[in-house]
N, C-alpha and C. Protein backbone atom coordinates (compact mmCIF):
# COMPACT_ATOMS: atom_id res chain seq x y z
N MET A 1 -35.22 1.43 -15.22
CA MET A 1 -35.15 1.86 -14.40
C MET A 1 -36.33 2.09 -13.45
N LYS A 2 -36.45 2.18 -12.77
CA LYS A 2 -38.04 2.71 -12.32
C LYS A 2 -37.42 4.27 -11.76
N ASN A 3 -38.91 5.05 -12.15
CA ASN A 3 -38.75 6.95 -11.98
C ASN A 3 -38.69 6.50 -10.70
N HIS A 4 -37.90 7.97 -9.74
CA HIS A 4 -38.30 8.49 -8.40
C HIS A 4 -38.14 9.04 -8.56
N PRO A 5 -39.28 9.95 -8.40
CA PRO A 5 -39.61 11.55 -7.94
C PRO A 5 -39.67 11.42 -6.39
N GLY A 6 -39.71 13.13 -6.11
CA GLY A 6 -39.83 13.06 -5.01
C GLY A 6 -39.13 12.47 -4.19
N ASP A 7 -38.29 12.78 -3.94
CA ASP A 7 -36.74 11.58 -2.97
C ASP A 7 -36.26 13.19 -3.18
N ILE A 8 -35.91 13.42 -1.49
CA ILE A 8 -35.18 14.13 -1.46
C ILE A 8 -33.53 13.69 -0.63
N CYS A 9 -33.12 14.27 -0.33
CA CYS A 9 -31.21 14.10 0.44
C CYS A 9 -30.64 14.37 1.49
N PRO A 10 -30.08 14.26 2.29
CA PRO A 10 -29.18 15.46 3.02
C PRO A 10 -27.92 14.53 2.57
N GLY A 11 -26.59 14.29 3.26
CA GLY A 11 -26.10 13.96 2.47
C GLY A 11 -24.58 14.58 3.44
N SER A 12 -23.40 13.24 4.69
CA SER A 12 -22.40 13.93 4.80
C SER A 12 -22.11 13.98 6.24
N PHE A 13 -20.62 13.44 7.00
CA PHE A 13 -20.40 13.16 7.68
C PHE A 13 -19.16 14.38 7.73
N GLY A 14 -19.32 15.21 8.06
CA GLY A 14 -17.74 15.39 8.37
C GLY A 14 -17.70 17.19 6.52
N SER A 15 -16.99 17.26 6.48
CA SER A 15 -16.28 18.22 5.10
C SER A 15 -15.21 17.62 4.80
N LEU A 16 -14.49 18.54 4.06
CA LEU A 16 -13.15 18.82 3.13
C LEU A 16 -12.80 20.21 3.45
N GLY A 17 -13.87 20.76 4.11
CA GLY A 17 -13.08 22.77 4.11
C GLY A 17 -11.93 23.13 4.81
N ASN A 18 -11.64 21.99 5.84
CA ASN A 18 -10.36 22.37 6.37
C ASN A 18 -8.99 23.46 5.86
N ILE A 19 -8.92 23.17 4.83
CA ILE A 19 -7.64 23.94 4.46
C ILE A 19 -7.47 24.86 4.22
N THR A 20 -8.99 25.74 3.37
CA THR A 20 -9.03 26.98 3.63
C THR A 20 -9.49 27.65 4.69
N MET A 21 -9.89 26.72 5.97
CA MET A 21 -9.99 27.45 7.10
C MET A 21 -8.87 28.04 8.12
N ILE A 22 -7.79 26.43 7.41
CA ILE A 22 -7.00 27.05 8.68
C ILE A 22 -5.67 27.96 7.30
N ASN A 23 -6.06 28.27 6.28
CA ASN A 23 -4.72 29.40 5.68
C ASN A 23 -5.44 30.35 5.98
N PHE A 24 -7.13 30.63 6.17
CA PHE A 24 -7.47 31.93 6.82
C PHE A 24 -7.04 32.13 7.87
N LEU A 25 -6.93 31.81 8.83
CA LEU A 25 -6.35 31.58 10.30
C LEU A 25 -4.62 31.63 9.78
N VAL A 26 -4.18 31.27 9.09
CA VAL A 26 -2.96 31.54 9.36
C VAL A 26 -2.26 32.75 8.67
N ARG A 27 -3.18 32.78 8.06
CA ARG A 27 -2.27 34.75 7.29
C ARG A 27 -2.05 36.17 7.07
N PRO A 28 -1.94 36.18 9.02
CA PRO A 28 -2.30 37.01 10.16
C PRO A 28 -1.60 37.09 9.93
N ALA A 29 -0.79 35.74 10.55
CA ALA A 29 0.25 36.34 11.42
C ALA A 29 2.30 35.25 10.84
N TYR A 30 1.98 36.06 8.83
CA TYR A 30 2.70 36.12 7.85
C TYR A 30 2.75 37.29 7.92
N ARG A 31 4.60 37.69 7.23
CA ARG A 31 4.53 39.39 6.85
C ARG A 31 4.85 38.84 5.80
N SER A 32 5.36 38.35 4.91
CA SER A 32 6.13 37.92 4.23
C SER A 32 5.55 37.55 3.14
N VAL A 33 6.12 37.57 1.88
CA VAL A 33 5.47 36.59 0.56
C VAL A 33 5.65 35.08 0.70
N LEU A 34 7.30 35.44 1.26
CA LEU A 34 7.66 33.63 1.16
C LEU A 34 6.86 32.56 2.87
N GLY A 35 6.37 33.61 3.38
CA GLY A 35 5.76 33.22 4.90
C GLY A 35 4.67 32.58 4.59
N LEU A 36 4.05 33.53 3.58
CA LEU A 36 2.86 32.14 3.48
C LEU A 36 2.79 32.05 2.62
N LEU A 37 4.01 31.54 1.58
CA LEU A 37 4.02 30.63 0.58
C LEU A 37 4.05 29.04 1.58
N ALA A 38 4.74 29.61 2.90
CA ALA A 38 6.03 28.12 3.47
C ALA A 38 4.03 27.81 3.95
N ALA A 39 3.85 28.67 4.61
CA ALA A 39 2.75 28.40 5.58
C ALA A 39 1.62 27.64 4.77
N LEU A 40 1.38 28.08 3.79
CA LEU A 40 0.12 27.41 2.74
C LEU A 40 -0.07 25.79 2.46
N LEU A 41 1.54 25.78 2.23
CA LEU A 41 2.82 24.11 1.89
C LEU A 41 2.20 23.68 3.03
N PHE A 42 2.49 24.19 4.21
CA PHE A 42 2.27 22.96 5.07
C PHE A 42 1.25 22.57 6.05
N PHE A 43 -0.09 23.49 5.42
CA PHE A 43 -1.37 23.72 5.80
C PHE A 43 -2.00 22.44 4.62
N SER A 44 -1.57 22.94 3.39
CA SER A 44 -2.61 21.94 2.58
C SER A 44 -2.34 21.18 2.24
N CYS A 45 -0.59 20.80 1.94
CA CYS A 45 -0.12 19.02 2.79
C CYS A 45 -1.00 18.26 3.64
N ALA A 46 -1.09 19.48 5.56
CA ALA A 46 -1.27 18.34 6.28
C ALA A 46 -3.46 18.08 5.96
N GLY A 47 -3.75 19.47 5.66
CA GLY A 47 -4.59 19.10 4.54
C GLY A 47 -4.99 17.98 3.68
N ALA A 48 -4.61 17.98 3.09
CA ALA A 48 -4.36 16.29 1.99
C ALA A 48 -3.92 15.21 3.01
N ALA A 49 -2.80 14.97 4.06
CA ALA A 49 -2.99 13.71 4.62
C ALA A 49 -4.35 13.39 5.16
N SER A 50 -4.85 14.41 5.87
CA SER A 50 -6.11 14.60 7.17
C SER A 50 -7.14 14.01 6.04
N GLU A 51 -7.03 14.44 5.26
CA GLU A 51 -8.32 13.83 3.84
C GLU A 51 -7.92 12.71 3.19
N GLU A 52 -6.63 12.09 3.22
CA GLU A 52 -6.44 10.69 2.91
C GLU A 52 -6.89 9.65 3.60
N ALA A 53 -6.53 9.99 4.59
CA ALA A 53 -6.84 8.80 6.14
C ALA A 53 -8.79 9.21 6.48
N LEU A 54 -9.08 9.74 5.98
CA LEU A 54 -10.78 9.33 6.15
C LEU A 54 -11.29 9.32 5.23
N LEU A 55 -10.46 9.09 3.84
CA LEU A 55 -11.83 8.32 2.39
C LEU A 55 -10.92 7.47 2.31
N ALA A 56 -11.35 5.98 3.23
CA ALA A 56 -11.16 4.68 3.36
C ALA A 56 -12.18 4.48 2.31
N PRO A 57 -11.81 3.47 1.01
CA PRO A 57 -12.65 3.00 0.41
C PRO A 57 -13.63 2.01 1.61
N GLY A 58 -14.55 1.79 1.39
CA GLY A 58 -15.07 0.88 2.01
C GLY A 58 -15.03 -1.02 1.31
N LEU A 59 -14.68 -1.18 -0.05
CA LEU A 59 -15.00 -2.43 -0.22
C LEU A 59 -13.68 -2.00 -1.46
N GLN A 60 -12.99 -2.83 -2.24
CA GLN A 60 -12.26 -3.21 -3.22
C GLN A 60 -13.14 -4.08 -4.26
N PRO A 61 -12.54 -3.74 -5.82
CA PRO A 61 -11.78 -3.06 -5.91
C PRO A 61 -12.84 -1.80 -5.74
N VAL A 62 -12.44 -0.27 -6.38
CA VAL A 62 -12.73 1.22 -6.21
C VAL A 62 -13.78 0.82 -7.23
N TYR A 63 -15.29 1.09 -7.72
CA TYR A 63 -15.08 1.37 -9.00
C TYR A 63 -16.29 3.27 -9.15
N ARG A 64 -15.25 3.86 -9.66
CA ARG A 64 -15.51 4.91 -10.57
C ARG A 64 -16.45 5.51 -11.77
N ILE A 65 -16.84 6.50 -11.13
CA ILE A 65 -18.07 6.11 -11.96
C ILE A 65 -18.39 8.09 -12.09
N ASN A 66 -18.30 8.56 -13.67
CA ASN A 66 -17.75 9.55 -14.33
C ASN A 66 -19.80 10.56 -13.79
N LEU A 67 -19.55 11.32 -13.12
CA LEU A 67 -20.51 12.36 -13.02
C LEU A 67 -20.60 13.92 -13.02
N ARG A 68 -20.93 14.68 -13.62
CA ARG A 68 -20.86 16.45 -14.49
C ARG A 68 -21.84 16.73 -13.65
N VAL A 69 -22.03 17.55 -13.28
CA VAL A 69 -22.95 18.15 -12.21
C VAL A 69 -22.62 20.02 -12.84
N HIS A 70 -23.98 19.77 -13.35
CA HIS A 70 -24.47 21.53 -14.62
C HIS A 70 -25.13 22.04 -12.81
N LEU A 71 -24.05 23.64 -12.52
CA LEU A 71 -24.57 24.63 -12.06
C LEU A 71 -24.36 26.03 -12.53
N ALA A 72 -25.04 25.90 -14.45
CA ALA A 72 -25.35 26.75 -14.98
C ALA A 72 -26.94 27.62 -13.90
N ASN A 73 -27.61 26.94 -13.85
CA ASN A 73 -29.09 27.31 -13.26
C ASN A 73 -29.14 27.42 -11.41
N SER A 74 -27.86 26.67 -11.06
CA SER A 74 -28.10 26.81 -9.88
C SER A 74 -28.25 28.43 -8.69
N SER A 75 -28.92 28.40 -7.58
CA SER A 75 -27.91 29.84 -6.81
C SER A 75 -27.09 29.62 -5.96
N ARG A 76 -26.73 28.62 -5.63
CA ARG A 76 -25.52 28.71 -4.63
C ARG A 76 -24.22 29.03 -5.28
N ALA A 77 -23.35 29.98 -4.29
CA ALA A 77 -21.89 29.57 -5.43
C ALA A 77 -21.67 28.52 -4.88
N PRO A 78 -20.61 29.20 -6.66
CA PRO A 78 -20.26 27.38 -6.53
C PRO A 78 -19.19 26.98 -5.49
N GLU A 79 -18.52 28.03 -5.08
CA GLU A 79 -17.50 27.61 -3.60
C GLU A 79 -18.76 26.88 -3.01
N GLU A 80 -19.83 26.16 -2.70
CA GLU A 80 -20.55 25.97 -1.75
C GLU A 80 -20.30 25.09 -1.97
N PHE A 81 -19.57 23.86 -3.17
CA PHE A 81 -20.34 22.60 -4.13
C PHE A 81 -19.01 22.15 -3.41
N GLU A 82 -18.15 22.48 -2.86
CA GLU A 82 -16.42 21.48 -2.76
C GLU A 82 -17.31 20.56 -0.84
N ARG A 83 -17.53 21.31 -0.50
CA ARG A 83 -18.54 20.19 0.72
C ARG A 83 -19.47 19.55 -0.23
N ILE A 84 -20.32 19.79 -0.69
CA ILE A 84 -21.34 19.29 -1.31
C ILE A 84 -21.12 18.27 -1.80
N PHE A 85 -19.55 18.10 -2.66
CA PHE A 85 -19.55 16.58 -3.27
C PHE A 85 -18.41 15.99 -2.36
N SER A 86 -18.18 16.53 -1.12
CA SER A 86 -17.14 15.69 -0.56
C SER A 86 -17.64 15.07 0.08
N GLU A 87 -18.66 15.76 1.08
CA GLU A 87 -20.34 13.99 1.10
C GLU A 87 -21.00 13.21 0.46
N ILE A 88 -21.02 13.90 -0.59
CA ILE A 88 -21.46 12.89 -1.77
C ILE A 88 -20.72 11.52 -2.00
N ASN A 89 -19.43 11.60 -2.17
CA ASN A 89 -18.03 10.97 -1.80
C ASN A 89 -17.85 9.98 -1.08
N LYS A 90 -18.23 10.39 0.64
CA LYS A 90 -17.68 10.04 1.83
C LYS A 90 -18.68 8.81 2.25
N ILE A 91 -20.25 8.76 1.64
CA ILE A 91 -21.05 8.18 1.80
C ILE A 91 -20.92 7.01 0.70
N TRP A 92 -20.97 7.80 -0.74
CA TRP A 92 -20.44 6.30 -1.57
C TRP A 92 -18.96 5.43 -0.86
N TYR A 93 -18.22 5.94 -1.06
CA TYR A 93 -16.90 5.67 -1.12
C TYR A 93 -16.64 5.06 -0.05
N THR A 94 -16.89 5.42 0.96
CA THR A 94 -16.31 4.91 2.62
C THR A 94 -17.68 3.34 2.95
N GLN A 95 -18.67 3.81 2.71
CA GLN A 95 -19.70 2.45 2.59
C GLN A 95 -19.63 1.60 1.44
N ALA A 96 -19.82 2.11 0.70
CA ALA A 96 -19.78 0.78 -1.24
C ALA A 96 -18.22 1.05 -2.05
N GLY A 97 -17.69 1.29 -1.52
CA GLY A 97 -16.25 1.53 -2.33
C GLY A 97 -16.98 2.53 -3.67
N ILE A 98 -18.11 3.25 -4.06
CA ILE A 98 -18.01 3.36 -4.75
C ILE A 98 -17.72 4.84 -4.71
N CYS A 99 -16.56 5.73 -6.54
CA CYS A 99 -16.00 6.97 -6.34
C CYS A 99 -16.83 7.82 -7.84
N PHE A 100 -18.11 9.41 -7.06
CA PHE A 100 -18.28 9.30 -8.46
C PHE A 100 -17.09 10.76 -8.81
N GLU A 101 -16.58 10.94 -9.85
CA GLU A 101 -15.58 11.47 -10.07
C GLU A 101 -16.56 12.69 -10.45
N ILE A 102 -16.23 13.16 -9.38
CA ILE A 102 -16.93 14.64 -10.20
C ILE A 102 -16.31 15.74 -10.88
N HIS A 103 -17.35 16.22 -11.92
CA HIS A 103 -16.47 17.58 -12.44
C HIS A 103 -17.95 18.48 -12.96
N ALA A 104 -18.32 19.87 -11.76
CA ALA A 104 -19.25 20.84 -12.03
C ALA A 104 -18.30 21.72 -12.96
N VAL A 105 -20.03 21.67 -14.08
CA VAL A 105 -19.66 22.46 -15.20
C VAL A 105 -20.71 23.88 -15.64
N ASP A 106 -20.34 24.97 -16.11
CA ASP A 106 -21.42 26.02 -16.55
C ASP A 106 -22.33 25.32 -17.45
N HIS A 107 -22.80 24.46 -18.75
CA HIS A 107 -23.53 24.53 -19.59
C HIS A 107 -24.02 22.84 -18.91
N ASP A 108 -24.96 22.94 -20.05
CA ASP A 108 -25.99 21.27 -20.17
C ASP A 108 -25.76 20.59 -20.80
N THR A 109 -24.46 20.30 -21.62
CA THR A 109 -24.18 18.99 -22.27
C THR A 109 -24.21 18.13 -21.01
N THR A 110 -24.12 17.17 -21.54
CA THR A 110 -24.22 15.82 -20.93
C THR A 110 -23.67 14.82 -21.03
N LEU A 111 -22.62 13.47 -20.54
CA LEU A 111 -21.77 12.98 -20.39
C LEU A 111 -22.27 11.96 -21.62
N ASN A 112 -21.76 11.25 -22.56
CA ASN A 112 -21.98 9.55 -23.01
C ASN A 112 -21.11 8.86 -21.52
N ASP A 113 -20.79 8.65 -21.30
CA ASP A 113 -20.13 8.05 -20.61
C ASP A 113 -20.37 8.33 -18.66
N GLY A 114 -21.52 8.34 -18.25
CA GLY A 114 -21.55 8.52 -16.76
C GLY A 114 -22.61 8.58 -16.45
N LEU A 115 -22.60 9.18 -15.56
CA LEU A 115 -24.46 10.65 -15.23
C LEU A 115 -23.94 12.25 -15.35
N ASP A 116 -25.57 12.77 -14.99
CA ASP A 116 -25.28 13.79 -14.76
C ASP A 116 -26.35 13.94 -14.44
N MET A 117 -26.67 15.35 -13.52
CA MET A 117 -26.94 16.08 -12.56
C MET A 117 -26.80 17.42 -12.39
N TRP A 118 -28.05 18.17 -12.96
CA TRP A 118 -28.82 19.35 -11.97
C TRP A 118 -29.05 20.05 -10.82
N PHE A 119 -28.61 21.22 -10.62
CA PHE A 119 -28.59 21.79 -9.66
C PHE A 119 -29.25 22.72 -10.04
N ALA A 120 -30.79 23.62 -9.08
CA ALA A 120 -31.85 24.65 -9.68
C ALA A 120 -32.75 24.82 -8.65
N PRO A 121 -33.02 25.69 -8.38
CA PRO A 121 -33.29 26.57 -7.13
C PRO A 121 -34.90 25.94 -6.41
N GLU A 122 -35.76 25.76 -8.04
CA GLU A 122 -36.80 24.93 -7.61
C GLU A 122 -36.93 23.94 -8.78
N ILE A 123 -37.87 22.77 -8.18
CA ILE A 123 -37.75 21.80 -9.41
C ILE A 123 -39.40 21.22 -9.15
N GLY A 124 -40.66 22.11 -8.98
CA GLY A 124 -41.62 21.47 -8.71
C GLY A 124 -42.14 21.08 -7.66
N GLY A 125 -41.39 21.13 -6.49
CA GLY A 125 -41.33 20.90 -5.20
C GLY A 125 -41.45 19.34 -4.58
N TYR A 126 -40.01 19.23 -5.48
CA TYR A 126 -39.47 18.17 -5.45
C TYR A 126 -37.49 18.44 -4.71
N ASN A 127 -37.12 17.58 -3.99
CA ASN A 127 -36.32 17.96 -3.82
C ASN A 127 -35.50 17.11 -4.03
N GLY A 128 -35.21 16.11 -4.91
CA GLY A 128 -34.20 15.81 -6.68
C GLY A 128 -35.45 14.46 -6.74
N TYR A 129 -35.66 14.72 -7.89
CA TYR A 129 -36.08 12.74 -8.38
C TYR A 129 -34.72 12.42 -10.09
N TYR A 130 -34.55 11.30 -9.78
CA TYR A 130 -34.17 10.52 -10.55
C TYR A 130 -35.04 9.78 -11.49
N ASP A 131 -34.60 10.34 -13.37
CA ASP A 131 -36.37 10.26 -14.28
C ASP A 131 -35.21 8.54 -15.36
N GLY A 132 -34.56 8.16 -14.13
CA GLY A 132 -34.26 7.10 -15.72
C GLY A 132 -33.02 7.40 -16.70
N GLU A 133 -33.05 8.76 -16.38
CA GLU A 133 -31.56 9.24 -17.08
C GLU A 133 -30.92 10.18 -16.54
N TYR A 134 -31.65 10.57 -16.05
CA TYR A 134 -30.71 12.17 -15.40
C TYR A 134 -30.76 12.60 -13.84
N ILE A 135 -30.12 12.85 -13.21
CA ILE A 135 -30.55 13.45 -11.99
C ILE A 135 -31.17 14.96 -11.55
N GLN A 136 -32.28 15.36 -10.86
CA GLN A 136 -32.64 17.04 -11.07
C GLN A 136 -32.52 17.38 -9.67
N MET A 137 -31.27 18.53 -8.75
CA MET A 137 -31.12 18.59 -7.26
C MET A 137 -32.17 20.12 -7.46
N SER A 138 -32.67 19.50 -6.02
CA SER A 138 -33.09 21.16 -5.79
C SER A 138 -31.62 21.35 -5.25
N ASP A 139 -31.51 23.66 -5.62
CA ASP A 139 -30.33 23.95 -4.22
C ASP A 139 -30.74 23.38 -3.01
N ALA A 140 -31.84 23.46 -2.20
CA ALA A 140 -32.38 23.36 -0.68
C ALA A 140 -32.78 22.51 -0.25
N PRO A 141 -32.85 21.61 -0.17
CA PRO A 141 -33.92 20.05 0.38
C PRO A 141 -33.88 20.09 1.35
N VAL A 142 -35.12 20.34 1.92
CA VAL A 142 -36.34 20.28 2.93
C VAL A 142 -36.28 18.70 3.52
N LEU A 143 -35.88 18.02 4.69
CA LEU A 143 -35.71 16.83 5.17
C LEU A 143 -35.96 16.91 6.22
N ALA A 144 -36.25 15.79 7.17
CA ALA A 144 -36.68 15.14 7.90
C ALA A 144 -35.70 14.40 8.84
N PRO A 145 -35.51 14.71 10.09
CA PRO A 145 -34.63 14.35 10.99
C PRO A 145 -34.03 12.67 10.65
N ALA A 146 -33.00 12.00 11.26
CA ALA A 146 -32.61 11.23 11.83
C ALA A 146 -31.65 11.09 12.91
N GLU A 147 -31.47 9.47 12.97
CA GLU A 147 -30.79 10.21 14.86
C GLU A 147 -28.87 10.26 14.39
N ASP A 148 -28.51 9.86 13.45
CA ASP A 148 -27.48 10.02 12.67
C ASP A 148 -27.08 11.07 11.76
N PRO A 149 -28.00 12.15 11.04
CA PRO A 149 -27.46 12.25 10.45
C PRO A 149 -27.05 13.42 9.09
N ALA A 150 -27.21 13.33 8.41
CA ALA A 150 -26.03 13.90 7.60
C ALA A 150 -25.67 15.68 7.04
N LYS A 151 -24.77 15.46 7.14
CA LYS A 151 -24.42 17.48 7.41
C LYS A 151 -25.98 18.02 6.30
N SER A 152 -25.43 18.02 5.45
CA SER A 152 -26.33 18.98 4.17
C SER A 152 -26.97 17.94 3.91
N SER A 153 -28.30 19.13 3.27
CA SER A 153 -29.53 18.02 2.95
C SER A 153 -29.07 17.68 1.54
N ALA A 154 -28.47 18.23 0.47
CA ALA A 154 -27.96 18.64 -0.16
C ALA A 154 -27.63 17.61 -0.77
N ALA A 155 -26.57 17.46 -0.67
CA ALA A 155 -25.51 16.14 -0.62
C ALA A 155 -26.22 14.93 -0.08
N ARG A 156 -27.36 14.59 0.88
CA ARG A 156 -27.70 13.97 1.11
C ARG A 156 -28.57 13.27 0.25
N THR A 157 -29.26 14.37 -0.57
CA THR A 157 -30.38 14.08 -1.10
C THR A 157 -29.22 13.84 -2.71
N ALA A 158 -28.07 14.03 -2.88
CA ALA A 158 -27.98 13.59 -4.11
C ALA A 158 -27.56 12.94 -4.50
N ALA A 159 -26.90 11.70 -2.84
CA ALA A 159 -26.69 10.13 -2.05
C ALA A 159 -27.64 9.80 -3.13
N HIS A 160 -29.06 10.19 -2.01
CA HIS A 160 -29.83 9.03 -2.87
C HIS A 160 -29.86 9.54 -4.07
N GLU A 161 -30.03 10.74 -4.81
CA GLU A 161 -30.59 10.41 -6.03
C GLU A 161 -29.87 8.61 -6.53
N LEU A 162 -28.47 9.31 -6.26
CA LEU A 162 -27.53 8.02 -6.86
C LEU A 162 -27.80 6.93 -7.09
N GLY A 163 -27.89 6.65 -5.56
CA GLY A 163 -28.73 5.63 -5.52
C GLY A 163 -29.34 5.25 -5.93
N HIS A 164 -30.83 6.13 -6.00
CA HIS A 164 -31.05 5.15 -8.14
C HIS A 164 -30.66 5.52 -8.41
N ALA A 165 -29.79 5.72 -9.45
CA ALA A 165 -29.72 5.23 -10.72
C ALA A 165 -28.27 4.62 -10.64
N LEU A 166 -28.19 3.37 -9.36
CA LEU A 166 -27.47 2.39 -9.29
C LEU A 166 -28.45 1.79 -8.78
N ASP A 167 -29.93 2.26 -8.88
CA ASP A 167 -30.45 0.60 -9.16
C ASP A 167 -31.25 0.27 -8.01
N LEU A 168 -31.43 1.25 -7.04
CA LEU A 168 -31.60 1.38 -5.60
C LEU A 168 -33.37 2.01 -5.13
N PRO A 169 -34.01 0.73 -4.75
CA PRO A 169 -35.75 0.96 -4.85
C PRO A 169 -35.78 2.30 -3.64
N HIS A 170 -36.11 2.48 -2.82
CA HIS A 170 -36.67 3.34 -1.88
C HIS A 170 -36.73 2.19 -0.49
N ARG A 171 -36.29 2.62 0.90
CA ARG A 171 -36.26 1.33 2.00
C ARG A 171 -36.63 2.44 2.66
N GLN A 172 -37.93 2.21 3.54
CA GLN A 172 -39.14 3.40 4.36
C GLN A 172 -39.12 3.11 5.58
N GLU A 173 -38.43 1.96 5.60
CA GLU A 173 -38.59 1.38 7.92
C GLU A 173 -37.44 2.13 8.09
N SER A 174 -36.39 2.72 7.99
CA SER A 174 -35.40 2.88 8.64
C SER A 174 -35.04 4.67 8.79
N ASP A 175 -34.83 5.76 9.05
CA ASP A 175 -35.25 7.37 9.00
C ASP A 175 -33.43 7.12 9.07
N ASP A 176 -32.86 6.43 9.86
CA ASP A 176 -31.47 6.51 9.07
C ASP A 176 -31.51 6.21 7.37
N ASN A 177 -31.39 5.37 6.51
CA ASN A 177 -31.08 4.49 5.44
C ASN A 177 -31.37 5.27 4.44
N LEU A 178 -30.22 5.41 3.55
CA LEU A 178 -30.24 6.46 2.13
C LEU A 178 -31.28 6.19 2.28
N MET A 179 -31.75 5.29 1.54
CA MET A 179 -32.50 5.47 0.60
C MET A 179 -33.82 5.55 1.43
N ARG A 180 -34.19 5.82 2.43
CA ARG A 180 -35.56 6.08 2.53
C ARG A 180 -36.31 7.94 2.13
N SER A 181 -37.06 8.31 1.72
CA SER A 181 -37.31 9.59 1.13
C SER A 181 -38.16 10.50 2.16
N ARG A 182 -36.60 11.58 2.15
CA ARG A 182 -36.97 12.75 3.14
C ARG A 182 -36.38 12.92 4.33
N THR A 183 -35.49 11.97 4.13
CA THR A 183 -34.84 12.32 6.13
C THR A 183 -32.94 12.74 5.53
N TYR A 184 -32.45 12.51 6.49
CA TYR A 184 -31.27 12.88 6.58
C TYR A 184 -30.06 11.86 7.04
N GLY A 185 -31.11 10.55 6.60
CA GLY A 185 -29.86 9.11 7.49
C GLY A 185 -29.49 8.98 5.74
N TRP A 186 -28.09 8.68 6.12
CA TRP A 186 -27.48 8.63 4.82
C TRP A 186 -26.69 6.87 4.88
N GLN A 187 -27.05 5.72 5.37
CA GLN A 187 -26.67 4.19 5.60
C GLN A 187 -26.81 3.64 4.48
N LEU A 188 -25.96 3.03 4.29
CA LEU A 188 -27.05 2.37 3.65
C LEU A 188 -26.99 0.24 4.21
N ASN A 189 -27.34 -0.86 3.54
CA ASN A 189 -27.47 -1.90 3.86
C ASN A 189 -26.18 -2.63 3.29
N ALA A 190 -25.96 -3.95 3.80
CA ALA A 190 -25.77 -5.09 3.24
C ALA A 190 -26.23 -5.39 1.76
N GLN A 191 -27.49 -5.32 1.34
CA GLN A 191 -27.56 -5.62 0.37
C GLN A 191 -27.78 -4.53 -0.50
N GLU A 192 -27.58 -3.80 -0.37
CA GLU A 192 -27.63 -2.85 -1.11
C GLU A 192 -26.66 -1.89 -1.70
N ILE A 193 -25.17 -2.46 -1.14
CA ILE A 193 -24.07 -2.11 -0.99
C ILE A 193 -24.11 -2.85 -2.43
N GLN A 194 -24.29 -4.16 -1.63
CA GLN A 194 -24.06 -5.29 -2.76
C GLN A 194 -24.50 -4.95 -4.36
N HIS A 195 -26.42 -4.33 -4.18
CA HIS A 195 -26.62 -4.50 -5.95
C HIS A 195 -25.64 -2.79 -6.41
N ALA A 196 -26.01 -2.01 -5.46
CA ALA A 196 -25.40 -0.79 -5.78
C ALA A 196 -24.04 -1.04 -6.74
N ARG A 197 -23.31 -1.99 -6.11
CA ARG A 197 -21.71 -2.41 -6.84
C ARG A 197 -21.60 -3.27 -8.27
N GLU A 198 -22.85 -4.19 -7.68
CA GLU A 198 -23.33 -5.35 -9.63
C GLU A 198 -23.23 -3.60 -10.24
N THR A 199 -24.37 -2.86 -10.32
CA THR A 199 -24.88 -2.04 -11.09
C THR A 199 -23.29 -1.04 -11.20
N ALA A 200 -22.50 -0.46 -10.34
CA ALA A 200 -21.33 0.30 -10.61
C ALA A 200 -20.29 -0.23 -11.64
N ALA A 201 -20.05 -1.90 -11.53
CA ALA A 201 -18.97 -1.94 -12.29
C ALA A 201 -19.58 -2.39 -13.58
N ASP A 202 -21.53 -2.01 -14.06
CA ASP A 202 -21.19 -1.83 -15.52
C ASP A 202 -20.96 -0.63 -16.09
N ILE A 203 -20.99 0.84 -15.62
CA ILE A 203 -21.14 1.36 -15.74
C ILE A 203 -19.61 2.43 -15.93
N ALA A 204 -18.89 1.66 -14.60
CA ALA A 204 -18.05 2.07 -13.82
C ALA A 204 -16.82 3.22 -14.68
N ILE A 205 -15.71 3.68 -14.90
CA ILE A 205 -14.76 3.76 -15.52
C ILE A 205 -13.81 2.34 -15.21
N GLU A 206 -13.04 1.80 -16.75
CA GLU A 206 -12.25 0.91 -16.71
C GLU A 206 -10.87 1.27 -15.64
N ASP A 207 -11.04 1.86 -15.20
CA ASP A 207 -9.74 2.21 -14.32
C ASP A 207 -9.64 1.69 -12.41
N THR A 208 -9.68 0.99 -11.58
CA THR A 208 -10.26 1.34 -10.47
C THR A 208 -10.16 2.36 -9.28
N PHE A 209 -8.26 2.71 -9.57
CA PHE A 209 -7.58 3.47 -9.01
C PHE A 209 -8.62 4.97 -8.30
N SER A 210 -9.56 5.05 -7.53
CA SER A 210 -9.59 6.53 -7.43
C SER A 210 -9.03 7.80 -7.58
N LEU A 211 -9.59 8.89 -8.27
CA LEU A 211 -8.26 10.51 -8.45
C LEU A 211 -8.84 10.93 -7.92
N ASN A 212 -9.99 10.97 -7.76
CA ASN A 212 -11.13 13.01 -7.33
C ASN A 212 -12.47 12.36 -6.13
N CYS A 213 -12.00 11.90 -4.79
CA CYS A 213 -13.31 11.07 -5.00
C CYS A 213 -13.17 12.28 -3.39
N GLY A 214 -12.34 13.13 -3.59
CA GLY A 214 -12.48 14.65 -2.22
C GLY A 214 -13.66 15.82 -2.33
N SER A 215 -12.44 16.46 -2.35
CA SER A 215 -13.50 18.11 -2.39
C SER A 215 -12.79 18.30 -4.16
N LEU A 216 -14.05 19.47 -4.18
CA LEU A 216 -14.38 19.87 -5.72
C LEU A 216 -13.12 20.80 -6.20
N LYS A 217 -11.90 20.52 -6.73
CA LYS A 217 -11.09 21.94 -7.05
C LYS A 217 -11.17 22.53 -6.96
N ARG A 218 -10.43 24.09 -7.21
CA ARG A 218 -10.30 24.93 -7.71
C ARG A 218 -10.12 24.67 -9.24
N GLY A 219 -11.26 25.23 -9.57
CA GLY A 219 -10.43 25.69 -10.65
C GLY A 219 -11.45 24.37 -11.87
N ASP A 220 -12.41 23.41 -11.51
CA ASP A 220 -13.56 22.30 -12.24
C ASP A 220 -14.66 22.84 -12.58
N LEU A 221 -14.94 24.18 -12.07
CA LEU A 221 -15.79 24.87 -12.95
C LEU A 221 -15.50 25.20 -14.31
N ARG A 222 -16.50 24.23 -15.14
CA ARG A 222 -15.23 25.02 -16.14
C ARG A 222 -17.26 24.28 -17.73
């Protein structure tokens, strides 16, 4: 595969941070431990149902790819990545039926059966790049507008670089396209989806049942 330095990506059409927010709003209304637990259980279940409805795969079978994200050098707080990871998978899962099984780690040991991505405050002036083996990401990519923009520049840029890891080239004619350089566009066309799925099939986990195509789960950082 070719190297693609200088790419940037935003990415997301929504986030799955509702459970945390709702729990925060509910707590003042409950004085007993029992009441609090009941409220948390109710809203956690409601949030899970909402997440499941939102994240319907664009195509079947779903191709699951291990993605290890290295955060030891990142300036972002670990909890910020929940929404970033959710948006990455919304971009890929809902359009192409590709799910990145994301595991955040605080070390540099790489995977034998998947992709590796690093976040850092500065990566030589780039927003992000794929060097043919690994993905390097800036903590805060700077992107140009798109008509239907992603929400997170970090998520969009990461999704863009994952496109290069799936052998997609740049596509510069539309600001709304995920493979356009340095915009908030997140959309893929039919040709790109087909080619990405062909590449994904070669590196995917054998099991096609998606397990972790939503938010970063608490305790994933290890």
